[in-house]
Amino acid sequence: MSRREYLWNARPDEVFQEIAKLLGCAEANTYTPGWFEKRGTAIANIYSRMNEVEKKNLEIEMDGARQKGYSQDVQRRCVQL
């Protein structure tokens, strides 16, 4: 699992907030025109703003997800898509 994939699946609200900033709108979701093209940039921006402790904690979260799989909430959301 990549960092990009993990952030997208584990923190979609945060990613959509960043997408909204990039698009210059109040909020964004999958119905917002142009959202998909901004997704990678939004995820990169979120990661670049993290300090070293946050990045380390993210790696720990990712290791846990690799071993145990995604949380029930994330799995449920993926099934609904």
C-alpha atoms as a PDB file:
ATOM      1  CA  MET A   1       0.000   0.000   0.000  1.00  0.00           C
ATOM      2  CA  SER A   2       1.394   3.361  -0.965  1.00  0.00           C
ATOM      3  CA  ARG A   3       1.340   6.470   1.177  1.00  0.00           C
ATOM      4  CA  ARG A   4      -0.958   8.104  -1.386  1.00  0.00           C
ATOM      5  CA  GLU A   5      -3.395   5.186  -1.286  1.00  0.00           C
ATOM      6  CA  TYR A   6      -3.338   5.100   2.505  1.00  0.00           C
ATOM      7  CA  LEU A   7      -4.007   8.823   2.933  1.00  0.00           C
ATOM      8  CA  TRP A   8      -6.801   8.681   0.364  1.00  0.00           C
ATOM      9  CA  ASN A   9      -8.535   5.758   2.066  1.00  0.00           C
ATOM     10  CA  ALA A  10      -7.841   6.624   5.703  1.00  0.00           C
ATOM     11  CA  ARG A  11      -8.329  10.406   5.563  1.00  0.00           C
ATOM     12  CA  PRO A  12     -10.736  11.233   2.732  1.00  0.00           C
ATOM     13  CA  ASP A  13     -12.275  14.218   4.530  1.00  0.00           C
ATOM     14  CA  GLU A  14      -8.869  15.838   4.905  1.00  0.00           C
ATOM     15  CA  VAL A  15      -8.073  15.150   1.246  1.00  0.00           C
ATOM     16  CA  PHE A  16     -11.373  16.644   0.085  1.00  0.00           C
ATOM     17  CA  GLN A  17     -10.773  19.746   2.234  1.00  0.00           C
ATOM     18  CA  GLU A  18      -7.439  20.209   0.476  1.00  0.00           C
ATOM     19  CA  ILE A  19      -9.036  19.602  -2.933  1.00  0.00           C
ATOM     20  CA  ALA A  20     -11.587  22.312  -2.138  1.00  0.00           C
ATOM     21  CA  LYS A  21      -8.750  24.734  -1.334  1.00  0.00           C
ATOM     22  CA  LEU A  22      -7.010  23.879  -4.590  1.00  0.00           C
ATOM     23  CA  LEU A  23     -10.208  24.392  -6.568  1.00  0.00           C
ATOM     24  CA  GLY A  24     -11.098  27.571  -4.682  1.00  0.00           C
ATOM     25  CA  CYS A  25     -14.445  26.348  -3.419  1.00  0.00           C
ATOM     26  CA  ALA A  26     -16.013  25.936   0.019  1.00  0.00           C
ATOM     27  CA  GLU A  27     -16.114  22.151  -0.123  1.00  0.00           C
ATOM     28  CA  ALA A  28     -15.458  19.325  -2.546  1.00  0.00           C
ATOM     29  CA  ASN A  29     -16.673  15.790  -3.105  1.00  0.00           C
ATOM     30  CA  THR A  30     -16.762  13.294  -5.955  1.00  0.00           C
ATOM     31  CA  TYR A  31     -19.409  15.410  -7.703  1.00  0.00           C
ATOM     32  CA  THR A  32     -17.182  18.498  -7.786  1.00  0.00           C
ATOM     33  CA  PRO A  33     -15.848  19.098 -11.319  1.00  0.00           C
ATOM     34  CA  GLY A  34     -12.084  18.660 -11.477  1.00  0.00           C
ATOM     35  CA  TRP A  35     -11.741  16.921  -8.104  1.00  0.00           C
ATOM     36  CA  PHE A  36      -9.963  13.844  -9.436  1.00  0.00           C
ATOM     37  CA  GLU A  37      -7.239  15.822 -11.197  1.00  0.00           C
ATOM     38  CA  LYS A  38      -6.419  17.572  -7.900  1.00  0.00           C
ATOM     39  CA  ARG A  39      -6.408  14.460  -5.719  1.00  0.00           C
ATOM     40  CA  GLY A  40      -2.695  13.663  -6.086  1.00  0.00           C
ATOM     41  CA  THR A  41      -1.653  17.265  -5.478  1.00  0.00           C
ATOM     42  CA  ALA A  42      -3.922  17.450  -2.428  1.00  0.00           C
ATOM     43  CA  ILE A  43      -2.402  14.301  -0.934  1.00  0.00           C
ATOM     44  CA  ALA A  44       1.132  15.560  -1.626  1.00  0.00           C
ATOM     45  CA  ASN A  45       0.292  18.890   0.039  1.00  0.00           C
ATOM     46  CA  ILE A  46      -1.062  17.153   3.128  1.00  0.00           C
ATOM     47  CA  TYR A  47       2.067  15.052   3.439  1.00  0.00           C
ATOM     48  CA  SER A  48       4.418  17.980   2.862  1.00  0.00           C
ATOM     49  CA  ARG A  49       2.810  19.933   5.714  1.00  0.00           C
ATOM     50  CA  MET A  50       3.369  17.094   8.182  1.00  0.00           C
ATOM     51  CA  ASN A  51       6.222  17.444  10.637  1.00  0.00           C
ATOM     52  CA  GLU A  52       8.607  14.562  11.318  1.00  0.00           C
ATOM     53  CA  VAL A  53       6.546  13.203  14.226  1.00  0.00           C
ATOM     54  CA  GLU A  54       3.374  13.199  12.126  1.00  0.00           C
ATOM     55  CA  LYS A  55       5.203  11.456   9.277  1.00  0.00           C
ATOM     56  CA  LYS A  56       6.523   8.827  11.673  1.00  0.00           C
ATOM     57  CA  ASN A  57       3.016   8.296  13.094  1.00  0.00           C
ATOM     58  CA  LEU A  58       1.687   7.959   9.555  1.00  0.00           C
ATOM     59  CA  GLU A  59       4.255   5.231   8.836  1.00  0.00           C
ATOM     60  CA  ILE A  60       3.168   3.427  12.015  1.00  0.00           C
ATOM     61  CA  GLU A  61      -0.495   3.682  10.939  1.00  0.00           C
ATOM     62  CA  MET A  62       0.407   2.340   7.505  1.00  0.00           C
ATOM     63  CA  ASP A  63       2.345  -0.578   8.990  1.00  0.00           C
ATOM     64  CA  GLY A  64      -0.694  -1.443  11.107  1.00  0.00           C
ATOM     65  CA  ALA A  65      -2.971  -1.260   8.077  1.00  0.00           C
ATOM     66  CA  ARG A  66      -0.586  -3.460   6.095  1.00  0.00           C
ATOM     67  CA  GLN A  67      -0.682  -6.081   8.836  1.00  0.00           C
ATOM     68  CA  LYS A  68      -4.339  -5.874   9.840  1.00  0.00           C
ATOM     69  CA  GLY A  69      -5.957  -4.372   6.763  1.00  0.00           C
ATOM     70  CA  TYR A  70      -7.971  -1.190   6.673  1.00  0.00           C
ATOM     71  CA  SER A  71     -10.343  -0.295   9.503  1.00  0.00           C
ATOM     72  CA  GLN A  72     -13.978  -1.377   9.294  1.00  0.00           C
ATOM     73  CA  ASP A  73     -15.004   2.192   8.393  1.00  0.00           C
ATOM     74  CA  VAL A  74     -12.646   2.306   5.426  1.00  0.00           C
ATOM     75  CA  GLN A  75     -13.684  -1.166   4.285  1.00  0.00           C
ATOM     76  CA  ARG A  76     -17.339  -0.223   4.532  1.00  0.00           C
ATOM     77  CA  ARG A  77     -16.756   2.969   2.516  1.00  0.00           C
ATOM     78  CA  CYS A  78     -14.906   1.035  -0.208  1.00  0.00           C
ATOM     79  CA  VAL A  79     -17.721  -1.500  -0.518  1.00  0.00           C
ATOM     80  CA  GLN A  80     -20.256   1.307  -0.933  1.00  0.00           C
ATOM     81  CA  LEU A  81     -18.315   2.735  -3.873  1.00  0.00           C
END
